[in-house]
Structure formats: C-alpha cells, structure tokens
C-alpha cells in the first residue's frame, strides 16, 4: 500500500464498513473477499450466494443504516476511520493477512508515522515490574519511539503513564469510547487528548473475552518489537508474544525470579530464544541501537493535534482511583492484599514499597510486622522485604 493513499469516496468507505460488519466476515475473510471481487460493493453483492453455497440460509449483509450510524457516532466522538487501503492507515499493519479492515482513531494520528515498540505484561504487576515498565517506556520514548500497549492494569498502565508526554498509543478491546478497566478512566481520557486511542470495533461496544486476542495482534503488528515485562506461564501477554513472532516482530523479555509466577512466562520466552532485557539499552540494541526520529507527514495530511493541557509530571503509578489513594484502607485485610500484590520473591526496599503504595509509613509499617509474624513476608538485611509463598 502506498504511504499516502488517495482518500476513499464516502460510498466506498460505507461499503467497506458494511462488509467487515456483515455476519461471519472477519478480517481474513474481508481481505479474501476484497481480493476476489475487487471492490467492497461487489463483495457485498456476492455474499448472499457465498453464504448459500456454505449452507447458510437467509443471509443478509450489514444494513446500510447500521454502517451509517456507526460512522456518525464515531465522528461525533471526534474519532476518524482509518480504512485498509486508505490514507492514514498504519503502514506496519497493511501487509498482515488479518489486518483490521477499519481502525477508529481518536487523538494524535501523527504518532502512527513514528517507530513503535510495544510494552505488555501482567495486570497484577509487582512493584519491580511497574518500575521496570516505567524505565523502559521513558528510555524508549527518549530514543524517539512511541510506546504501544493495551490500557490494562499493571504493566500496560505504567508504560502508558511514563510515555504520555512523549507519545503513547492505547489499542482497545472495546469501542473507542469504552473505558476498560474503569480505574483507568483518567488515563483513558488523557491518552485521547495527548496520545492516540485505536479500536477496530464500533463505538459503544463492550469488550468480551474474544476481543482481547484480536486487540493483541494489533498491538504487536504496530510495533517493531514487543517487550514482555511480567507474564504468567499462561497469559495474554504470551499470546501477544506468539503473535509478534508470527508477524516477524522482535520479541524481548525481562527476566524474573524463578519462584515468581509473574515471571514464569518471561523466563520461558528467554529460554526459547527471546532477547533478555535489562533496560532500554538492550531494546535499542536489538533494534540496531539507532534512535529513530519522527517521520514528517506532508502538511496537507497532518491531523491537528489537540493542545496539551498543563500537567504535573507523573512519577508514580498508582493502581487505584485518586479518592481511594488519599484514604488508607480501613480493612487491614485489604491493605495486606495490596502489600502482598506488590511483593514477589525478589527483595524490595521497604521505603520503595511504601512509596509505591502511596500511603503513610505509619500506616504500612505495622501491617508489615503483622505479615512478618504470620510468615507471609520475609525480611533481609538492608531494609529489604520479599513475599513468602
């Protein structure tokens, strides 16, 4: 596909949207139909006969009114449709056999012209994991890369926050206007204003389990490399890594303690040949070590970027809404769960844990004593603590 394709006529855009929204037409089938019939209108005309030959009776294509309503709703939100074969569609995705037929984009579409690296990992990330995600995102952003992730809890959230000022893309499993998970609502809106949100689904669609692997192929497809920071032996992050390999992308992983289940997937990837990552320098070296700067877009195709809002620099990655962070948990069991979730077999400094929890030291210290007495955490010289499983 040429870098700057001619704009699609509105009727062609509508036909393509109707085709991909028709029953039993996924991305791969869409591309096969387009290749066989030449145009979306011809493919739509042929679909009922194709369905009949496959013993599917009473088949109807997506009604024109449904497609028009989707276009109107997406545009009303301020999103733009990027259609495969049309202008602005990400070049990195164009040649994939299951490339999205349409992507709704809200925010800075100019970020799609820059080199991208995906950072993915565990939702229940450890303190060390979120710190590593921040370090990687900041280092890669400083070298000119856009950070791509899935706006999930844990590693995704940490990566997006660290790259918000320099360029980050969130690929959503639901509609372009659907916040998931709800605790990321503020970040969701910040990325729409200062970064870019992408979705291949209609606005308003609530994400379901089957949508997440579909989203993951877009995350890996956009990126030059996929870095897995923390991942269990069976996790969505490993699905993303496998998809990246199928797409010919580099796969890298941060090693972890053998006793930490959150590191099992990363350690498996490294055992099987993934590049071991100790910091952003390792990622840049795998990408030839050359910092890559933005590729300018012709002036007549640049989408206007929203003016950035004044914002204090984010140095911590909280995982709960602001109101909940200000007040310590009343139930000790809740605080115990938060402490244990932050800890793993690798020792962590007590003061760092307290900063990560964003709670007063006097509130956390007694609970650490309780957990130590219960045998659930262990202390080591130098003020280090770790989790006992």
Protein backbone atom coordinates (compact mmCIF):
# COMPACT_ATOMS: atom_id res chain seq x y z
CA UNK A 1 0.00 0.00 0.00
CA UNK A 2 1.41 3.43 -0.86
CA UNK A 3 2.40 5.59 2.10
CA UNK A 4 -0.11 8.30 1.18
CA UNK A 5 -3.14 6.69 -0.46
CA UNK A 6 -5.87 8.64 -2.17
CA UNK A 7 -8.88 9.44 0.01
CA UNK A 8 -11.78 7.00 -0.19
CA UNK A 9 -15.12 8.14 -1.51
CA UNK A 10 -17.82 8.15 1.16
CA UNK A 11 -19.77 5.41 -0.63
CA UNK A 12 -16.67 3.20 -0.78
CA UNK A 13 -15.98 3.81 2.91
CA UNK A 14 -19.58 2.88 3.72
CA UNK A 15 -19.38 -0.31 1.63
CA UNK A 16 -16.15 -1.41 3.30
CA UNK A 17 -17.64 -0.81 6.72
CA UNK A 18 -20.76 -2.79 5.78
CA UNK A 19 -18.58 -5.64 4.54
CA UNK A 20 -16.50 -6.01 7.70
CA UNK A 21 -19.61 -5.66 9.89
CA UNK A 22 -21.50 -8.35 7.99
CA UNK A 23 -22.16 -11.62 9.79
CA UNK A 24 -19.32 -14.16 9.71
CA UNK A 25 -16.94 -11.75 7.98
CA UNK A 26 -13.74 -11.34 9.97
CA UNK A 27 -10.55 -9.57 8.94
CA UNK A 28 -9.08 -12.51 7.00
CA UNK A 29 -12.35 -13.18 5.16
CA UNK A 30 -12.68 -9.47 4.41
CA UNK A 31 -9.30 -9.37 2.66
CA UNK A 32 -10.04 -12.55 0.71
CA UNK A 33 -13.36 -11.15 -0.49
CA UNK A 34 -11.74 -7.86 -1.49
CA UNK A 35 -9.03 -9.72 -3.40
CA UNK A 36 -11.54 -11.93 -5.20
CA UNK A 37 -14.15 -9.29 -6.06
CA UNK A 38 -12.11 -6.11 -6.37
CA UNK A 39 -14.48 -3.79 -4.52
CA UNK A 40 -16.47 -3.88 -1.32
CA UNK A 41 -19.71 -3.32 -3.24
CA UNK A 42 -19.05 -6.37 -5.45
CA UNK A 43 -18.17 -8.44 -2.38
CA UNK A 44 -21.40 -7.38 -0.67
CA UNK A 45 -23.40 -8.38 -3.74
CA UNK A 46 -21.70 -11.79 -3.81
CA UNK A 47 -22.01 -12.55 -0.08
CA UNK A 48 -25.56 -14.00 -0.06
CA UNK A 49 -24.66 -16.50 -2.77
CA UNK A 50 -21.42 -17.40 -0.99
CA UNK A 51 -23.37 -17.95 2.23
CA UNK A 52 -25.98 -20.06 0.44
CA UNK A 53 -23.25 -22.28 -1.02
CA UNK A 54 -21.97 -22.73 2.53
CA UNK A 55 -25.48 -23.86 3.61
CA UNK A 56 -26.21 -20.61 5.44
CA UNK A 57 -29.80 -19.69 4.63
CA UNK A 58 -31.44 -16.25 4.78
CA UNK A 59 -28.09 -14.48 4.91
CA UNK A 60 -28.21 -10.69 4.93
CA UNK A 61 -25.30 -8.28 4.77
CA UNK A 62 -24.90 -5.45 7.27
CA UNK A 63 -27.67 -2.89 6.57
CA UNK A 64 -26.55 0.46 5.22
CA UNK A 65 -28.28 2.26 8.08
CA UNK A 66 -26.20 0.39 10.67
CA UNK A 67 -22.96 1.37 8.95
CA UNK A 68 -24.07 4.99 8.57
CA UNK A 69 -24.95 5.12 12.26
CA UNK A 70 -21.51 3.77 13.20
CA UNK A 71 -19.77 6.39 11.06
CA UNK A 72 -21.91 9.17 12.52
CA UNK A 73 -21.33 8.05 16.12
CA UNK A 74 -17.58 7.65 15.70
CA UNK A 75 -17.20 11.04 14.05
CA UNK A 76 -19.37 12.68 16.69
CA UNK A 77 -16.88 11.46 19.29
CA UNK A 78 -14.06 13.13 17.36
CA UNK A 79 -12.64 9.85 16.03
CA UNK A 80 -11.61 9.26 12.42
CA UNK A 81 -11.94 5.99 10.48
CA UNK A 82 -8.65 4.65 9.07
CA UNK A 83 -9.53 2.14 6.38
CA UNK A 84 -7.19 -0.51 4.98
CA UNK A 85 -6.02 0.84 1.64
CA UNK A 86 -6.96 4.41 2.56
CA UNK A 87 -4.96 7.43 3.77
CA UNK A 88 -3.53 7.41 7.26
CA UNK A 89 -3.80 3.65 7.73
CA UNK A 90 -0.76 2.35 9.68
CA UNK A 91 1.84 1.06 7.22
CA UNK A 92 3.03 -1.50 9.79
CA UNK A 93 -0.35 -3.26 9.68
CA UNK A 94 -1.08 -3.01 5.97
CA UNK A 95 0.57 -6.27 4.87
CA UNK A 96 -0.73 -8.51 7.67
CA UNK A 97 -3.11 -11.22 6.44
CA UNK A 98 -5.56 -10.33 9.23
CA UNK A 99 -5.01 -6.58 9.22
CA UNK A 100 -8.00 -4.69 10.63
CA UNK A 101 -10.30 -3.56 7.83
CA UNK A 102 -11.01 -0.36 9.74
CA UNK A 103 -9.49 1.34 12.77
CA UNK A 104 -11.22 4.07 14.70
CA UNK A 105 -8.57 6.57 15.81
CA UNK A 106 -9.04 9.26 18.41
CA UNK A 107 -6.20 11.64 19.19
CA UNK A 108 -2.81 12.18 17.57
CA UNK A 109 -2.83 10.14 14.38
CA UNK A 110 0.63 11.55 13.57
CA UNK A 111 2.02 9.07 16.14
CA UNK A 112 1.33 6.29 13.63
CA UNK A 113 4.12 7.71 11.44
CA UNK A 114 6.74 7.16 14.13
CA UNK A 115 8.51 3.90 15.05
CA UNK A 116 6.68 1.99 17.77
CA UNK A 117 7.62 -0.50 20.48
CA UNK A 118 5.01 -2.46 22.43
CA UNK A 119 5.30 -2.95 26.19
CA UNK A 120 2.99 -5.59 27.65
CA UNK A 121 2.79 -7.62 30.83
CA UNK A 122 0.91 -8.71 33.92
CA UNK A 123 -2.20 -6.98 35.17
CA UNK A 124 -1.28 -7.86 38.75
CA UNK A 125 2.20 -6.43 38.25
CA UNK A 126 4.71 -6.31 41.06
CA UNK A 127 6.32 -3.09 42.23
CA UNK A 128 9.55 -4.08 40.49
CA UNK A 129 7.62 -4.83 37.32
CA UNK A 130 5.89 -1.45 37.18
CA UNK A 131 9.19 0.32 37.88
CA UNK A 132 10.83 -1.58 35.04
CA UNK A 133 7.94 -0.74 32.69
CA UNK A 134 8.35 2.96 33.52
CA UNK A 135 12.10 2.82 32.97
CA UNK A 136 11.72 1.08 29.62
CA UNK A 137 8.97 3.42 28.43
CA UNK A 138 10.94 6.52 29.37
CA UNK A 139 14.12 5.24 27.72
CA UNK A 140 12.40 4.17 24.52
CA UNK A 141 10.46 7.42 24.32
CA UNK A 142 13.70 9.34 24.73
CA UNK A 143 15.09 7.49 21.71
CA UNK A 144 12.14 8.56 19.55
CA UNK A 145 9.84 5.55 19.87
CA UNK A 146 6.11 5.60 20.54
CA UNK A 147 5.05 3.20 23.29
CA UNK A 148 2.13 0.94 22.38
CA UNK A 149 0.11 -1.07 24.89
CA UNK A 150 -3.40 -2.22 25.73
CA UNK A 151 -4.50 0.12 28.56
CA UNK A 152 -4.88 -2.77 31.01
CA UNK A 153 -3.95 -2.67 34.66
CA UNK A 154 -0.37 -3.13 35.82
CA UNK A 155 2.36 -3.07 33.18
CA UNK A 156 0.21 -1.51 30.43
CA UNK A 157 -0.83 1.32 32.70
CA UNK A 158 2.71 2.00 33.88
CA UNK A 159 4.02 2.10 30.30
CA UNK A 160 1.30 4.48 29.09
CA UNK A 161 1.79 6.85 32.01
CA UNK A 162 5.55 7.03 31.53
CA UNK A 163 5.21 7.82 27.80
CA UNK A 164 2.20 10.12 27.96
CA UNK A 165 4.24 13.28 27.41
CA UNK A 166 6.26 11.85 24.52
CA UNK A 167 3.87 9.60 22.62
CA UNK A 168 1.78 6.58 23.52
CA UNK A 169 -0.90 4.55 21.71
CA UNK A 170 -3.58 2.53 23.50
CA UNK A 171 -5.20 -0.26 21.49
CA UNK A 172 -8.63 -1.02 22.95
CA UNK A 173 -10.52 -4.30 23.08
CA UNK A 174 -13.85 -2.46 23.09
CA UNK A 175 -15.20 0.60 21.33
CA UNK A 176 -13.15 3.79 21.06
CA UNK A 177 -15.33 5.37 23.78
CA UNK A 178 -15.45 2.45 26.22
CA UNK A 179 -13.30 2.68 29.36
CA UNK A 180 -11.94 -0.68 30.47
CA UNK A 181 -10.95 -1.20 33.20
CA UNK A 182 -12.86 1.62 34.84
CA UNK A 183 -10.00 2.60 37.17
CA UNK A 184 -8.06 3.74 34.10
CA UNK A 185 -10.70 6.34 33.20
CA UNK A 186 -8.46 9.37 33.77
CA UNK A 187 -5.63 7.80 31.78
CA UNK A 188 -8.10 6.80 29.04
CA UNK A 189 -9.11 10.45 28.56
CA UNK A 190 -5.52 11.69 28.82
CA UNK A 191 -4.43 9.37 26.03
CA UNK A 192 -7.30 10.55 23.86
CA UNK A 193 -6.20 14.17 24.40
CA UNK A 194 -2.41 13.77 24.31
CA UNK A 195 -1.77 10.37 22.72
CA UNK A 196 -3.86 8.09 20.49
CA UNK A 197 -6.62 5.56 21.11
CA UNK A 198 -7.29 2.88 18.50
CA UNK A 199 -10.09 0.32 18.12
CA UNK A 200 -11.31 -1.84 15.28
CA UNK A 201 -14.78 -2.08 16.84
CA UNK A 202 -17.80 0.21 16.69
CA UNK A 203 -18.14 2.88 19.35
CA UNK A 204 -20.05 1.65 22.38
CA UNK A 205 -19.01 -2.00 22.06
CA UNK A 206 -18.24 -3.54 25.46
CA UNK A 207 -15.15 -5.77 25.36
CA UNK A 208 -15.62 -9.53 25.63
CA UNK A 209 -13.04 -12.26 26.14
CA UNK A 210 -12.64 -12.98 22.41
CA UNK A 211 -11.80 -9.35 21.68
CA UNK A 212 -8.55 -9.31 23.65
CA UNK A 213 -6.53 -11.68 21.41
CA UNK A 214 -7.81 -9.64 18.45
CA UNK A 215 -6.57 -6.47 20.12
CA UNK A 216 -3.22 -8.08 20.88
CA UNK A 217 -2.46 -8.75 17.21
CA UNK A 218 -2.84 -5.01 16.55
CA UNK A 219 -0.50 -4.13 19.43
CA UNK A 220 2.22 -6.44 18.11
CA UNK A 221 1.53 -5.60 14.48
CA UNK A 222 2.07 -1.88 15.00
CA UNK A 223 5.36 -2.37 16.81
CA UNK A 224 8.90 -3.00 15.64
CA UNK A 225 9.36 -5.09 18.78
CA UNK A 226 7.31 -6.45 21.67
CA UNK A 227 8.80 -6.31 25.17
CA UNK A 228 7.20 -8.52 27.83
CA UNK A 229 7.89 -7.20 31.32
CA UNK A 230 5.97 -9.67 33.51
CA UNK A 231 3.78 -12.54 32.38
CA UNK A 232 2.50 -15.78 33.84
CA UNK A 233 3.06 -19.06 32.01
CA UNK A 234 -0.43 -18.78 30.53
CA UNK A 235 -1.33 -15.19 29.86
CA UNK A 236 -2.49 -12.75 27.25
CA UNK A 237 1.00 -11.29 27.10
CA UNK A 238 2.37 -14.60 25.83
CA UNK A 239 -0.37 -14.64 23.18
CA UNK A 240 0.88 -11.22 22.11
CA UNK A 241 4.45 -12.53 22.02
CA UNK A 242 3.48 -15.52 19.88
CA UNK A 243 1.53 -13.26 17.53
CA UNK A 244 4.53 -10.97 17.27
CA UNK A 245 6.74 -13.88 16.21
CA UNK A 246 4.19 -14.88 13.57
CA UNK A 247 4.24 -11.30 12.30
CA UNK A 248 8.03 -11.22 12.12
CA UNK A 249 8.48 -8.80 15.03
CA UNK A 250 11.27 -8.90 17.59
CA UNK A 251 10.30 -10.40 20.95
CA UNK A 252 12.15 -9.40 24.10
CA UNK A 253 11.52 -10.21 27.76
CA UNK A 254 12.57 -9.03 31.20
CA UNK A 255 13.77 -11.94 33.35
CA UNK A 256 12.37 -12.54 36.81
CA UNK A 257 12.82 -14.65 39.89
CA UNK A 258 12.18 -18.37 39.22
CA UNK A 259 9.79 -18.55 42.19
CA UNK A 260 7.66 -15.63 41.00
CA UNK A 261 4.72 -16.88 38.91
CA UNK A 262 4.52 -13.46 37.27
CA UNK A 263 7.96 -14.05 35.75
CA UNK A 264 7.35 -17.59 34.50
CA UNK A 265 6.23 -16.52 31.04
CA UNK A 266 9.14 -14.12 30.56
CA UNK A 267 11.66 -16.74 31.67
CA UNK A 268 10.12 -19.23 29.24
CA UNK A 269 10.41 -16.72 26.39
CA UNK A 270 14.08 -16.12 27.18
CA UNK A 271 14.71 -19.88 27.38
CA UNK A 272 13.14 -20.22 23.94
CA UNK A 273 15.28 -17.50 22.37
CA UNK A 274 13.74 -14.12 23.22
CA UNK A 275 16.25 -11.32 23.84
CA UNK A 276 16.90 -10.72 27.53
CA UNK A 277 16.17 -7.13 28.59
CA UNK A 278 17.90 -5.37 31.47
CA UNK A 279 16.98 -1.86 30.41
CA UNK A 280 16.03 0.29 27.41
CA UNK A 281 19.56 -0.01 26.02
CA UNK A 282 19.01 -3.71 25.36
CA UNK A 283 15.84 -2.97 23.40
CA UNK A 284 17.53 -0.26 21.37
CA UNK A 285 20.46 -2.55 20.64
CA UNK A 286 18.05 -5.21 19.35
CA UNK A 287 16.60 -2.55 17.07
CA UNK A 288 20.11 -1.73 15.79
CA UNK A 289 20.70 0.79 18.55
CA UNK A 290 19.78 3.72 16.34
CA UNK A 291 17.43 6.28 17.91
CA UNK A 292 14.76 6.89 15.29
CA UNK A 293 13.13 10.27 14.98
CA UNK A 294 9.63 11.07 13.76
CA UNK A 295 8.89 10.76 10.04
CA UNK A 296 7.27 14.02 8.88
CA UNK A 297 3.89 13.83 7.21
CA UNK A 298 3.00 16.08 4.28
CA UNK A 299 1.38 19.24 5.56
CA UNK A 300 -1.93 18.52 3.87
CA UNK A 301 -2.34 15.17 5.61
CA UNK A 302 -1.39 16.12 9.15
CA UNK A 303 -4.24 15.65 11.60
CA UNK A 304 -4.32 18.57 14.04
CA UNK A 305 -3.05 17.54 17.45
CA UNK A 306 -5.05 18.71 20.47
CA UNK A 307 -3.27 21.33 22.54
CA UNK A 308 -1.69 19.64 25.56
CA UNK A 309 -3.14 20.54 28.90
CA UNK A 310 -0.81 21.70 31.69
CA UNK A 311 0.00 18.70 33.81
CA UNK A 312 2.44 17.84 36.55
CA UNK A 313 5.00 15.19 35.71
CA UNK A 314 3.87 11.75 36.86
CA UNK A 315 6.49 9.96 38.90
CA UNK A 316 4.42 7.22 40.47
CA UNK A 317 1.98 4.71 39.01
CA UNK A 318 -1.00 4.34 41.36
CA UNK A 319 -3.37 1.50 40.65
CA UNK A 320 -6.48 2.79 42.36
CA UNK A 321 -8.67 5.89 41.87
CA UNK A 322 -7.38 9.11 43.40
CA UNK A 323 -10.01 9.19 46.14
CA UNK A 324 -9.07 5.72 47.27
CA UNK A 325 -5.37 6.61 47.31
CA UNK A 326 -5.87 9.54 49.64
CA UNK A 327 -7.52 7.45 52.33
CA UNK A 328 -5.72 4.39 53.75
CA UNK A 329 -7.78 1.19 53.51
CA UNK A 330 -9.91 0.78 56.63
CA UNK A 331 -9.83 -3.01 56.46
CA UNK A 332 -6.36 -4.41 57.28
CA UNK A 333 -7.06 -7.38 55.02
CA UNK A 334 -7.39 -5.03 52.05
CA UNK A 335 -4.05 -3.40 52.82
CA UNK A 336 -2.45 -6.82 53.33
CA UNK A 337 -3.64 -7.86 49.89
CA UNK A 338 -2.22 -4.69 48.33
CA UNK A 339 1.14 -5.20 50.06
CA UNK A 340 1.40 -8.85 49.00
CA UNK A 341 0.36 -7.99 45.46
CA UNK A 342 3.28 -5.56 45.26
CA UNK A 343 5.81 -8.06 46.57
CA UNK A 344 7.40 -11.08 44.97
CA UNK A 345 10.29 -13.43 45.75
CA UNK A 346 12.80 -10.76 44.72
CA UNK A 347 13.60 -8.47 47.70
CA UNK A 348 12.25 -4.92 47.58
CA UNK A 349 13.23 -1.96 49.75
CA UNK A 350 10.62 -1.19 52.38
CA UNK A 351 10.68 2.54 51.66
CA UNK A 352 10.12 1.87 47.96
CA UNK A 353 7.11 -0.31 48.78
CA UNK A 354 5.64 2.47 50.93
CA UNK A 355 6.12 4.99 48.11
CA UNK A 356 4.51 2.61 45.62
CA UNK A 357 1.51 2.15 47.91
CA UNK A 358 1.26 5.94 48.30
CA UNK A 359 0.32 5.56 51.97
CA UNK A 360 1.80 6.97 55.18
CA UNK A 361 4.71 4.96 56.56
CA UNK A 362 2.98 4.80 59.94
CA UNK A 363 0.03 3.04 58.32
CA UNK A 364 2.09 0.48 56.41
CA UNK A 365 4.83 -0.41 58.90
CA UNK A 366 2.56 -2.09 61.50
CA UNK A 367 0.96 -4.23 58.82
CA UNK A 368 4.38 -5.34 57.62
CA UNK A 369 5.08 -6.54 61.13
CA UNK A 370 1.80 -8.43 61.15
CA UNK A 371 2.57 -10.07 57.81
CA UNK A 372 6.05 -10.99 59.01
CA UNK A 373 4.65 -12.61 62.14
CA UNK A 374 2.19 -14.53 60.01
CA UNK A 375 5.08 -15.82 57.91
CA UNK A 376 3.78 -14.20 54.73
CA UNK A 377 6.75 -11.89 54.15
CA UNK A 378 10.45 -12.21 54.93
CA UNK A 379 12.97 -9.52 55.81
CA UNK A 380 16.57 -9.38 54.62
CA UNK A 381 19.48 -7.12 55.64
CA UNK A 382 19.38 -3.59 54.29
CA UNK A 383 15.68 -2.99 54.85
CA UNK A 384 14.61 -5.41 52.12
CA UNK A 385 11.44 -7.46 52.22
CA UNK A 386 10.03 -10.20 49.98
CA UNK A 387 6.93 -12.32 49.74
CA UNK A 388 6.78 -15.87 51.03
CA UNK A 389 4.53 -18.25 49.10
